[in-house]
Amino acid sequence: MKKITVTLLLSISSAFAHADANMDRQSYCASYGAMFTSIAAWRDQGAKPEHTLDMIIGVKGIPLQAKKDAIQTVYFDKALANSRGKEFGHQVRLSCLAEK
């Protein structure tokens, strides 16, 4: 299951992890991973996806479409239903850093 999640996260981050010109890759991937952690926490607390987007709209350096796609994935991908916490964010960050 963990390998499936990591593979899924790699595909997610490869599609959407394009750093803003003003951010270095380390900063971007750290923000990207933290964003996934936050999205999962709000999902688990029962927040609606639209409300979650409102809460992460201010995350700098991550394109709006990437935010929307992350919310869609975390909320509706059954493979990520139990993904949460710092370890989840860490996996996303590492997947992002692995992308060129």
PDB file of N, CA and C in Angstrom:
ATOM      1  N   MET A   1       0.824  -1.193   0.000  1.00  0.00           N
ATOM      2  CA  MET A   1       0.000   0.000   0.000  1.00  0.00           C
ATOM      3  C   MET A   1       0.869   1.259   0.000  1.00  0.00           C
ATOM      4  N   LYS A   2       1.937   1.248   0.802  1.00  0.00           N
ATOM      5  CA  LYS A   2       2.811   2.404   0.873  1.00  0.00           C
ATOM      6  C   LYS A   2       3.464   2.665  -0.477  1.00  0.00           C
ATOM      7  N   LYS A   3       3.867   1.588  -1.166  1.00  0.00           N
ATOM      8  CA  LYS A   3       4.492   1.742  -2.479  1.00  0.00           C
ATOM      9  C   LYS A   3       3.505   2.327  -3.477  1.00  0.00           C
ATOM     10  N   ILE A   4       2.251   1.906  -3.404  1.00  0.00           N
ATOM     11  CA  ILE A   4       1.216   2.444  -4.293  1.00  0.00           C
ATOM     12  C   ILE A   4       1.033   3.933  -4.031  1.00  0.00           C
ATOM     13  N   THR A   5       0.986   4.303  -2.762  1.00  0.00           N
ATOM     14  CA  THR A   5       0.808   5.708  -2.401  1.00  0.00           C
ATOM     15  C   THR A   5       1.975   6.542  -2.900  1.00  0.00           C
ATOM     16  N   VAL A   6       3.186   6.063  -2.712  1.00  0.00           N
ATOM     17  CA  VAL A   6       4.362   6.796  -3.178  1.00  0.00           C
ATOM     18  C   VAL A   6       4.340   6.937  -4.691  1.00  0.00           C
ATOM     19  N   THR A   7       3.985   5.867  -5.387  1.00  0.00           N
ATOM     20  CA  THR A   7       3.900   5.924  -6.845  1.00  0.00           C
ATOM     21  C   THR A   7       2.854   6.943  -7.277  1.00  0.00           C
ATOM     22  N   LEU A   8       1.717   6.929  -6.604  1.00  0.00           N
ATOM     23  CA  LEU A   8       0.658   7.883  -6.917  1.00  0.00           C
ATOM     24  C   LEU A   8       1.134   9.305  -6.655  1.00  0.00           C
ATOM     25  N   LEU A   9       1.817   9.503  -5.547  1.00  0.00           N
ATOM     26  CA  LEU A   9       2.307  10.834  -5.225  1.00  0.00           C
ATOM     27  C   LEU A   9       3.335  11.301  -6.233  1.00  0.00           C
ATOM     28  N   LEU A  10       4.173  10.399  -6.718  1.00  0.00           N
ATOM     29  CA  LEU A  10       5.134  10.765  -7.754  1.00  0.00           C
ATOM     30  C   LEU A  10       4.428  11.260  -9.005  1.00  0.00           C
ATOM     31  N   SER A  11       3.378  10.574  -9.382  1.00  0.00           N
ATOM     32  CA  SER A  11       2.656  11.003 -10.583  1.00  0.00           C
ATOM     33  C   SER A  11       1.950  12.328 -10.352  1.00  0.00           C
ATOM     34  N   ILE A  12       1.439  12.538  -9.142  1.00  0.00           N
ATOM     35  CA  ILE A  12       0.790  13.810  -8.814  1.00  0.00           C
ATOM     36  C   ILE A  12       1.805  14.938  -8.881  1.00  0.00           C
ATOM     37  N   SER A  13       2.919  14.738  -8.194  1.00  0.00           N
ATOM     38  CA  SER A  13       3.891  15.819  -8.124  1.00  0.00           C
ATOM     39  C   SER A  13       4.548  16.080  -9.472  1.00  0.00           C
ATOM     40  N   SER A  14       4.719  15.057 -10.292  1.00  0.00           N
ATOM     41  CA  SER A  14       5.335  15.294 -11.594  1.00  0.00           C
ATOM     42  C   SER A  14       4.421  16.128 -12.478  1.00  0.00           C
ATOM     43  N   ALA A  15       3.150  15.984 -12.320  1.00  0.00           N
ATOM     44  CA  ALA A  15       2.213  16.734 -13.137  1.00  0.00           C
ATOM     45  C   ALA A  15       2.062  18.185 -12.670  1.00  0.00           C
ATOM     46  N   PHE A  16       2.249  18.433 -11.371  1.00  0.00           N
ATOM     47  CA  PHE A  16       1.900  19.740 -10.841  1.00  0.00           C
ATOM     48  C   PHE A  16       3.018  20.479 -10.114  1.00  0.00           C
ATOM     49  N   ALA A  17       4.130  19.849  -9.872  1.00  0.00           N
ATOM     50  CA  ALA A  17       5.180  20.466  -9.059  1.00  0.00           C
ATOM     51  C   ALA A  17       6.127  21.308  -9.904  1.00  0.00           C
ATOM     52  N   HIS A  18       5.657  22.436 -10.343  1.00  0.00           N
ATOM     53  CA  HIS A  18       6.479  23.355 -11.113  1.00  0.00           C
ATOM     54  C   HIS A  18       6.701  24.596 -10.267  1.00  0.00           C
ATOM     55  N   ALA A  19       7.925  24.764  -9.837  1.00  0.00           N
ATOM     56  CA  ALA A  19       8.245  25.832  -8.898  1.00  0.00           C
ATOM     57  C   ALA A  19       8.092  27.212  -9.528  1.00  0.00           C
ATOM     58  N   ASP A  20       7.588  28.125  -8.728  1.00  0.00           N
ATOM     59  CA  ASP A  20       7.527  29.526  -9.080  1.00  0.00           C
ATOM     60  C   ASP A  20       8.968  30.007  -9.274  1.00  0.00           C
ATOM     61  N   ALA A  21       9.160  30.951 -10.179  1.00  0.00           N
ATOM     62  CA  ALA A  21      10.506  31.441 -10.467  1.00  0.00           C
ATOM     63  C   ALA A  21      11.176  32.062  -9.240  1.00  0.00           C
ATOM     64  N   ASN A  22      10.380  32.526  -8.285  1.00  0.00           N
ATOM     65  CA  ASN A  22      10.930  33.177  -7.100  1.00  0.00           C
ATOM     66  C   ASN A  22      11.229  32.205  -5.969  1.00  0.00           C
ATOM     67  N   MET A  23      10.972  30.946  -6.144  1.00  0.00           N
ATOM     68  CA  MET A  23      11.204  29.960  -5.089  1.00  0.00           C
ATOM     69  C   MET A  23      12.215  28.928  -5.565  1.00  0.00           C
ATOM     70  N   ASP A  24      13.086  28.496  -4.671  1.00  0.00           N
ATOM     71  CA  ASP A  24      13.959  27.402  -5.058  1.00  0.00           C
ATOM     72  C   ASP A  24      13.203  26.080  -4.885  1.00  0.00           C
ATOM     73  N   ARG A  25      13.745  25.041  -5.415  1.00  0.00           N
ATOM     74  CA  ARG A  25      13.074  23.735  -5.417  1.00  0.00           C
ATOM     75  C   ARG A  25      12.798  23.228  -4.000  1.00  0.00           C
ATOM     76  N   GLN A  26      13.746  23.410  -3.095  1.00  0.00           N
ATOM     77  CA  GLN A  26      13.577  22.946  -1.712  1.00  0.00           C
ATOM     78  C   GLN A  26      12.385  23.639  -1.058  1.00  0.00           C
ATOM     79  N   SER A  27      12.300  24.947  -1.203  1.00  0.00           N
ATOM     80  CA  SER A  27      11.203  25.713  -0.610  1.00  0.00           C
ATOM     81  C   SER A  27       9.868  25.323  -1.233  1.00  0.00           C
ATOM     82  N   TYR A  28       9.887  25.212  -2.558  1.00  0.00           N
ATOM     83  CA  TYR A  28       8.661  24.847  -3.249  1.00  0.00           C
ATOM     84  C   TYR A  28       8.147  23.488  -2.773  1.00  0.00           C
ATOM     85  N   CYS A  29       9.013  22.497  -2.739  1.00  0.00           N
ATOM     86  CA  CYS A  29       8.591  21.145  -2.361  1.00  0.00           C
ATOM     87  C   CYS A  29       8.171  21.071  -0.899  1.00  0.00           C
ATOM     88  N   ALA A  30       8.816  21.853  -0.040  1.00  0.00           N
ATOM     89  CA  ALA A  30       8.404  21.901   1.363  1.00  0.00           C
ATOM     90  C   ALA A  30       6.996  22.478   1.471  1.00  0.00           C
ATOM     91  N   SER A  31       6.721  23.546   0.736  1.00  0.00           N
ATOM     92  CA  SER A  31       5.377  24.141   0.739  1.00  0.00           C
ATOM     93  C   SER A  31       4.356  23.181   0.139  1.00  0.00           C
ATOM     94  N   TYR A  32       4.749  22.512  -0.914  1.00  0.00           N
ATOM     95  CA  TYR A  32       3.862  21.566  -1.596  1.00  0.00           C
ATOM     96  C   TYR A  32       3.479  20.418  -0.652  1.00  0.00           C
ATOM     97  N   GLY A  33       4.453  19.854   0.054  1.00  0.00           N
ATOM     98  CA  GLY A  33       4.182  18.783   1.004  1.00  0.00           C
ATOM     99  C   GLY A  33       3.325  19.250   2.161  1.00  0.00           C
ATOM    100  N   ALA A  34       3.620  20.429   2.693  1.00  0.00           N
ATOM    101  CA  ALA A  34       2.826  20.983   3.797  1.00  0.00           C
ATOM    102  C   ALA A  34       1.387  21.229   3.348  1.00  0.00           C
ATOM    103  N   MET A  35       1.231  21.651   2.111  1.00  0.00           N
ATOM    104  CA  MET A  35      -0.113  21.880   1.583  1.00  0.00           C
ATOM    105  C   MET A  35      -0.920  20.579   1.566  1.00  0.00           C
ATOM    106  N   PHE A  36      -0.308  19.490   1.136  1.00  0.00           N
ATOM    107  CA  PHE A  36      -0.998  18.198   1.125  1.00  0.00           C
ATOM    108  C   PHE A  36      -1.369  17.771   2.542  1.00  0.00           C
ATOM    109  N   THR A  37      -0.472  18.005   3.498  1.00  0.00           N
ATOM    110  CA  THR A  37      -0.762  17.673   4.893  1.00  0.00           C
ATOM    111  C   THR A  37      -1.974  18.460   5.382  1.00  0.00           C
ATOM    112  N   SER A  38      -2.011  19.738   5.066  1.00  0.00           N
ATOM    113  CA  SER A  38      -3.128  20.588   5.479  1.00  0.00           C
ATOM    114  C   SER A  38      -4.434  20.162   4.820  1.00  0.00           C
ATOM    115  N   ILE A  39      -4.371  19.868   3.543  1.00  0.00           N
ATOM    116  CA  ILE A  39      -5.576  19.439   2.828  1.00  0.00           C
ATOM    117  C   ILE A  39      -6.139  18.179   3.464  1.00  0.00           C
ATOM    118  N   ALA A  40      -5.281  17.213   3.762  1.00  0.00           N
ATOM    119  CA  ALA A  40      -5.744  15.963   4.376  1.00  0.00           C
ATOM    120  C   ALA A  40      -6.339  16.227   5.758  1.00  0.00           C
ATOM    121  N   ALA A  41      -5.750  17.134   6.523  1.00  0.00           N
ATOM    122  CA  ALA A  41      -6.272  17.452   7.854  1.00  0.00           C
ATOM    123  C   ALA A  41      -7.663  18.075   7.750  1.00  0.00           C
ATOM    124  N   TRP A  42      -7.833  19.000   6.827  1.00  0.00           N
ATOM    125  CA  TRP A  42      -9.147  19.621   6.663  1.00  0.00           C
ATOM    126  C   TRP A  42     -10.164  18.625   6.129  1.00  0.00           C
ATOM    127  N   ARG A  43      -9.742  17.744   5.246  1.00  0.00           N
ATOM    128  CA  ARG A  43     -10.635  16.668   4.771  1.00  0.00           C
ATOM    129  C   ARG A  43     -11.114  15.840   5.954  1.00  0.00           C
ATOM    130  N   ASP A  44     -10.180  15.454   6.820  1.00  0.00           N
ATOM    131  CA  ASP A  44     -10.507  14.609   7.968  1.00  0.00           C
ATOM    132  C   ASP A  44     -11.406  15.321   8.984  1.00  0.00           C
ATOM    133  N   GLN A  45     -11.349  16.647   8.998  1.00  0.00           N
ATOM    134  CA  GLN A  45     -12.194  17.423   9.911  1.00  0.00           C
ATOM    135  C   GLN A  45     -13.555  17.733   9.300  1.00  0.00           C
ATOM    136  N   GLY A  46     -13.773  17.288   8.068  1.00  0.00           N
ATOM    137  CA  GLY A  46     -15.076  17.460   7.439  1.00  0.00           C
ATOM    138  C   GLY A  46     -15.246  18.728   6.628  1.00  0.00           C
ATOM    139  N   ALA A  47     -14.178  19.454   6.387  1.00  0.00           N
ATOM    140  CA  ALA A  47     -14.278  20.672   5.568  1.00  0.00           C
ATOM    141  C   ALA A  47     -14.607  20.292   4.126  1.00  0.00           C
ATOM    142  N   LYS A  48     -15.422  21.092   3.500  1.00  0.00           N
ATOM    143  CA  LYS A  48     -15.748  20.873   2.091  1.00  0.00           C
ATOM    144  C   LYS A  48     -14.548  21.287   1.233  1.00  0.00           C
ATOM    145  N   PRO A  49     -14.386  20.644   0.075  1.00  0.00           N
ATOM    146  CA  PRO A  49     -13.257  20.985  -0.799  1.00  0.00           C
ATOM    147  C   PRO A  49     -13.181  22.480  -1.138  1.00  0.00           C
ATOM    148  N   GLU A  50     -14.321  23.120  -1.349  1.00  0.00           N
ATOM    149  CA  GLU A  50     -14.340  24.540  -1.693  1.00  0.00           C
ATOM    150  C   GLU A  50     -13.782  25.379  -0.546  1.00  0.00           C
ATOM    151  N   HIS A  51     -14.133  25.005   0.686  1.00  0.00           N
ATOM    152  CA  HIS A  51     -13.629  25.721   1.862  1.00  0.00           C
ATOM    153  C   HIS A  51     -12.122  25.503   2.000  1.00  0.00           C
ATOM    154  N   THR A  52     -11.678  24.293   1.721  1.00  0.00           N
ATOM    155  CA  THR A  52     -10.247  23.996   1.785  1.00  0.00           C
ATOM    156  C   THR A  52      -9.488  24.841   0.768  1.00  0.00           C
ATOM    157  N   LEU A  53     -10.017  24.991  -0.425  1.00  0.00           N
ATOM    158  CA  LEU A  53      -9.365  25.847  -1.420  1.00  0.00           C
ATOM    159  C   LEU A  53      -9.260  27.274  -0.901  1.00  0.00           C
ATOM    160  N   ASP A  54     -10.324  27.764  -0.285  1.00  0.00           N
ATOM    161  CA  ASP A  54     -10.273  29.113   0.285  1.00  0.00           C
ATOM    162  C   ASP A  54      -9.157  29.238   1.318  1.00  0.00           C
ATOM    163  N   MET A  55      -8.909  28.167   2.073  1.00  0.00           N
ATOM    164  CA  MET A  55      -7.898  28.209   3.133  1.00  0.00           C
ATOM    165  C   MET A  55      -6.479  28.107   2.585  1.00  0.00           C
ATOM    166  N   ILE A  56      -6.293  27.466   1.436  1.00  0.00           N
ATOM    167  CA  ILE A  56      -4.928  27.335   0.899  1.00  0.00           C
ATOM    168  C   ILE A  56      -4.645  28.295  -0.241  1.00  0.00           C
ATOM    169  N   ILE A  57      -5.597  29.130  -0.578  1.00  0.00           N
ATOM    170  CA  ILE A  57      -5.418  30.046  -1.703  1.00  0.00           C
ATOM    171  C   ILE A  57      -4.199  30.942  -1.508  1.00  0.00           C
ATOM    172  N   GLY A  58      -3.858  31.240  -0.270  1.00  0.00           N
ATOM    173  CA  GLY A  58      -2.731  32.123   0.021  1.00  0.00           C
ATOM    174  C   GLY A  58      -1.367  31.453   0.018  1.00  0.00           C
ATOM    175  N   VAL A  59      -1.309  30.143  -0.216  1.00  0.00           N
ATOM    176  CA  VAL A  59      -0.008  29.465  -0.264  1.00  0.00           C
ATOM    177  C   VAL A  59       0.748  30.000  -1.472  1.00  0.00           C
ATOM    178  N   LYS A  60       1.876  30.624  -1.197  1.00  0.00           N
ATOM    179  CA  LYS A  60       2.628  31.293  -2.259  1.00  0.00           C
ATOM    180  C   LYS A  60       3.464  30.308  -3.071  1.00  0.00           C
ATOM    181  N   GLY A  61       3.576  30.600  -4.364  1.00  0.00           N
ATOM    182  CA  GLY A  61       4.469  29.860  -5.236  1.00  0.00           C
ATOM    183  C   GLY A  61       3.894  28.605  -5.856  1.00  0.00           C
ATOM    184  N   ILE A  62       2.701  28.221  -5.460  1.00  0.00           N
ATOM    185  CA  ILE A  62       2.072  27.024  -6.024  1.00  0.00           C
ATOM    186  C   ILE A  62       0.895  27.490  -6.877  1.00  0.00           C
ATOM    187  N   PRO A  63       0.894  27.122  -8.147  1.00  0.00           N
ATOM    188  CA  PRO A  63      -0.170  27.578  -9.045  1.00  0.00           C
ATOM    189  C   PRO A  63      -1.555  27.146  -8.569  1.00  0.00           C
ATOM    190  N   LEU A  64      -2.548  27.967  -8.868  1.00  0.00           N
ATOM    191  CA  LEU A  64      -3.922  27.701  -8.466  1.00  0.00           C
ATOM    192  C   LEU A  64      -4.391  26.329  -8.953  1.00  0.00           C
ATOM    193  N   GLN A  65      -4.071  25.986 -10.184  1.00  0.00           N
ATOM    194  CA  GLN A  65      -4.511  24.692 -10.712  1.00  0.00           C
ATOM    195  C   GLN A  65      -3.894  23.545  -9.925  1.00  0.00           C
ATOM    196  N   ALA A  66      -2.646  23.684  -9.502  1.00  0.00           N
ATOM    197  CA  ALA A  66      -2.006  22.644  -8.694  1.00  0.00           C
ATOM    198  C   ALA A  66      -2.720  22.493  -7.352  1.00  0.00           C
ATOM    199  N   LYS A  67      -3.163  23.607  -6.779  1.00  0.00           N
ATOM    200  CA  LYS A  67      -3.913  23.568  -5.518  1.00  0.00           C
ATOM    201  C   LYS A  67      -5.233  22.835  -5.718  1.00  0.00           C
ATOM    202  N   LYS A  68      -5.940  23.180  -6.784  1.00  0.00           N
ATOM    203  CA  LYS A  68      -7.216  22.522  -7.077  1.00  0.00           C
ATOM    204  C   LYS A  68      -7.024  21.023  -7.316  1.00  0.00           C
ATOM    205  N   ASP A  69      -5.996  20.675  -8.059  1.00  0.00           N
ATOM    206  CA  ASP A  69      -5.728  19.267  -8.347  1.00  0.00           C
ATOM    207  C   ASP A  69      -5.351  18.502  -7.084  1.00  0.00           C
ATOM    208  N   ALA A  70      -4.592  19.143  -6.211  1.00  0.00           N
ATOM    209  CA  ALA A  70      -4.203  18.498  -4.947  1.00  0.00           C
ATOM    210  C   ALA A  70      -5.438  18.226  -4.098  1.00  0.00           C
ATOM    211  N   ILE A  71      -6.331  19.194  -4.015  1.00  0.00           N
ATOM    212  CA  ILE A  71      -7.569  19.011  -3.251  1.00  0.00           C
ATOM    213  C   ILE A  71      -8.385  17.875  -3.849  1.00  0.00           C
ATOM    214  N   GLN A  72      -8.548  17.889  -5.149  1.00  0.00           N
ATOM    215  CA  GLN A  72      -9.306  16.831  -5.829  1.00  0.00           C
ATOM    216  C   GLN A  72      -8.720  15.458  -5.511  1.00  0.00           C
ATOM    217  N   THR A  73      -7.417  15.354  -5.566  1.00  0.00           N
ATOM    218  CA  THR A  73      -6.746  14.081  -5.322  1.00  0.00           C
ATOM    219  C   THR A  73      -6.894  13.633  -3.878  1.00  0.00           C
ATOM    220  N   VAL A  74      -6.609  14.512  -2.938  1.00  0.00           N
ATOM    221  CA  VAL A  74      -6.658  14.142  -1.520  1.00  0.00           C
ATOM    222  C   VAL A  74      -8.079  13.799  -1.089  1.00  0.00           C
ATOM    223  N   TYR A  75      -9.047  14.533  -1.574  1.00  0.00           N
ATOM    224  CA  TYR A  75     -10.436  14.305  -1.168  1.00  0.00           C
ATOM    225  C   TYR A  75     -11.059  13.075  -1.832  1.00  0.00           C
ATOM    226  N   PHE A  76     -10.733  12.832  -3.084  1.00  0.00           N
ATOM    227  CA  PHE A  76     -11.517  11.860  -3.839  1.00  0.00           C
ATOM    228  C   PHE A  76     -10.769  10.620  -4.317  1.00  0.00           C
ATOM    229  N   ASP A  77      -9.460  10.577  -4.185  1.00  0.00           N
ATOM    230  CA  ASP A  77      -8.713   9.384  -4.560  1.00  0.00           C
ATOM    231  C   ASP A  77      -8.743   8.400  -3.403  1.00  0.00           C
ATOM    232  N   LYS A  78      -9.376   7.283  -3.610  1.00  0.00           N
ATOM    233  CA  LYS A  78      -9.542   6.296  -2.532  1.00  0.00           C
ATOM    234  C   LYS A  78      -8.214   5.770  -2.016  1.00  0.00           C
ATOM    235  N   ALA A  79      -7.184   5.767  -2.850  1.00  0.00           N
ATOM    236  CA  ALA A  79      -5.871   5.298  -2.412  1.00  0.00           C
ATOM    237  C   ALA A  79      -5.270   6.224  -1.356  1.00  0.00           C
ATOM    238  N   LEU A  80      -5.750   7.454  -1.280  1.00  0.00           N
ATOM    239  CA  LEU A  80      -5.225   8.409  -0.306  1.00  0.00           C
ATOM    240  C   LEU A  80      -6.182   8.649   0.865  1.00  0.00           C
ATOM    241  N   ALA A  81      -7.222   7.850   0.966  1.00  0.00           N
ATOM    242  CA  ALA A  81      -8.222   8.045   2.020  1.00  0.00           C
ATOM    243  C   ALA A  81      -7.627   7.991   3.418  1.00  0.00           C
ATOM    244  N   ASN A  82      -6.584   7.215   3.619  1.00  0.00           N
ATOM    245  CA  ASN A  82      -5.968   7.099   4.935  1.00  0.00           C
ATOM    246  C   ASN A  82      -4.643   7.844   5.026  1.00  0.00           C
ATOM    247  N   SER A  83      -4.346   8.661   4.044  1.00  0.00           N
ATOM    248  CA  SER A  83      -3.096   9.425   4.046  1.00  0.00           C
ATOM    249  C   SER A  83      -3.312  10.715   4.812  1.00  0.00           C
ATOM    250  N   ARG A  84      -2.404  10.949   5.763  1.00  0.00           N
ATOM    251  CA  ARG A  84      -2.519  12.139   6.598  1.00  0.00           C
ATOM    252  C   ARG A  84      -1.234  12.325   7.389  1.00  0.00           C
ATOM    253  N   GLY A  85      -1.129  13.441   8.010  1.00  0.00           N
ATOM    254  CA  GLY A  85      -0.042  13.702   8.938  1.00  0.00           C
ATOM    255  C   GLY A  85       1.276  14.080   8.287  1.00  0.00           C
ATOM    256  N   LYS A  86       2.257  14.244   9.161  1.00  0.00           N
ATOM    257  CA  LYS A  86       3.576  14.684   8.716  1.00  0.00           C
ATOM    258  C   LYS A  86       4.221  13.710   7.741  1.00  0.00           C
ATOM    259  N   GLU A  87       4.008  12.415   7.949  1.00  0.00           N
ATOM    260  CA  GLU A  87       4.611  11.425   7.049  1.00  0.00           C
ATOM    261  C   GLU A  87       4.063  11.572   5.626  1.00  0.00           C
ATOM    262  N   PHE A  88       2.783  11.836   5.510  1.00  0.00           N
ATOM    263  CA  PHE A  88       2.168  12.051   4.202  1.00  0.00           C
ATOM    264  C   PHE A  88       2.808  13.265   3.524  1.00  0.00           C
ATOM    265  N   GLY A  89       2.911  14.370   4.237  1.00  0.00           N
ATOM    266  CA  GLY A  89       3.542  15.565   3.684  1.00  0.00           C
ATOM    267  C   GLY A  89       4.995  15.325   3.314  1.00  0.00           C
ATOM    268  N   HIS A  90       5.671  14.548   4.141  1.00  0.00           N
ATOM    269  CA  HIS A  90       7.066  14.216   3.870  1.00  0.00           C
ATOM    270  C   HIS A  90       7.194  13.402   2.574  1.00  0.00           C
ATOM    271  N   GLN A  91       6.297  12.446   2.368  1.00  0.00           N
ATOM    272  CA  GLN A  91       6.316  11.647   1.141  1.00  0.00           C
ATOM    273  C   GLN A  91       6.077  12.529  -0.080  1.00  0.00           C
ATOM    274  N   VAL A  92       5.141  13.456   0.029  1.00  0.00           N
ATOM    275  CA  VAL A  92       4.865  14.361  -1.084  1.00  0.00           C
ATOM    276  C   VAL A  92       6.086  15.236  -1.362  1.00  0.00           C
ATOM    277  N   ARG A  93       6.706  15.753  -0.297  1.00  0.00           N
ATOM    278  CA  ARG A  93       7.900  16.593  -0.459  1.00  0.00           C
ATOM    279  C   ARG A  93       9.018  15.827  -1.155  1.00  0.00           C
ATOM    280  N   LEU A  94       9.258  14.588  -0.706  1.00  0.00           N
ATOM    281  CA  LEU A  94      10.314  13.786  -1.324  1.00  0.00           C
ATOM    282  C   LEU A  94      10.007  13.477  -2.785  1.00  0.00           C
ATOM    283  N   SER A  95       8.754  13.188  -3.082  1.00  0.00           N
ATOM    284  CA  SER A  95       8.351  12.930  -4.470  1.00  0.00           C
ATOM    285  C   SER A  95       8.574  14.171  -5.331  1.00  0.00           C
ATOM    286  N   CYS A  96       8.245  15.308  -4.782  1.00  0.00           N
ATOM    287  CA  CYS A  96       8.446  16.576  -5.494  1.00  0.00           C
ATOM    288  C   CYS A  96       9.938  16.802  -5.749  1.00  0.00           C
ATOM    289  N   LEU A  97      10.766  16.569  -4.743  1.00  0.00           N
ATOM    290  CA  LEU A  97      12.206  16.769  -4.897  1.00  0.00           C
ATOM    291  C   LEU A  97      12.820  15.800  -5.907  1.00  0.00           C
ATOM    292  N   ALA A  98      12.222  14.630  -6.051  1.00  0.00           N
ATOM    293  CA  ALA A  98      12.742  13.627  -6.986  1.00  0.00           C
ATOM    294  C   ALA A  98      12.486  14.014  -8.434  1.00  0.00           C
ATOM    295  N   GLU A  99      11.523  14.894  -8.658  1.00  0.00           N
ATOM    296  CA  GLU A  99      11.215  15.346 -10.015  1.00  0.00           C
ATOM    297  C   GLU A  99      12.247  16.358 -10.474  1.00  0.00           C
ATOM    298  N   LYS A 100      12.528  16.337 -11.739  1.00  0.00           N
ATOM    299  CA  LYS A 100      13.511  17.286 -12.312  1.00  0.00           C
ATOM    300  C   LYS A 100      12.802  18.413 -12.999  1.00  0.00           C
TER     301      LYS A 100
END
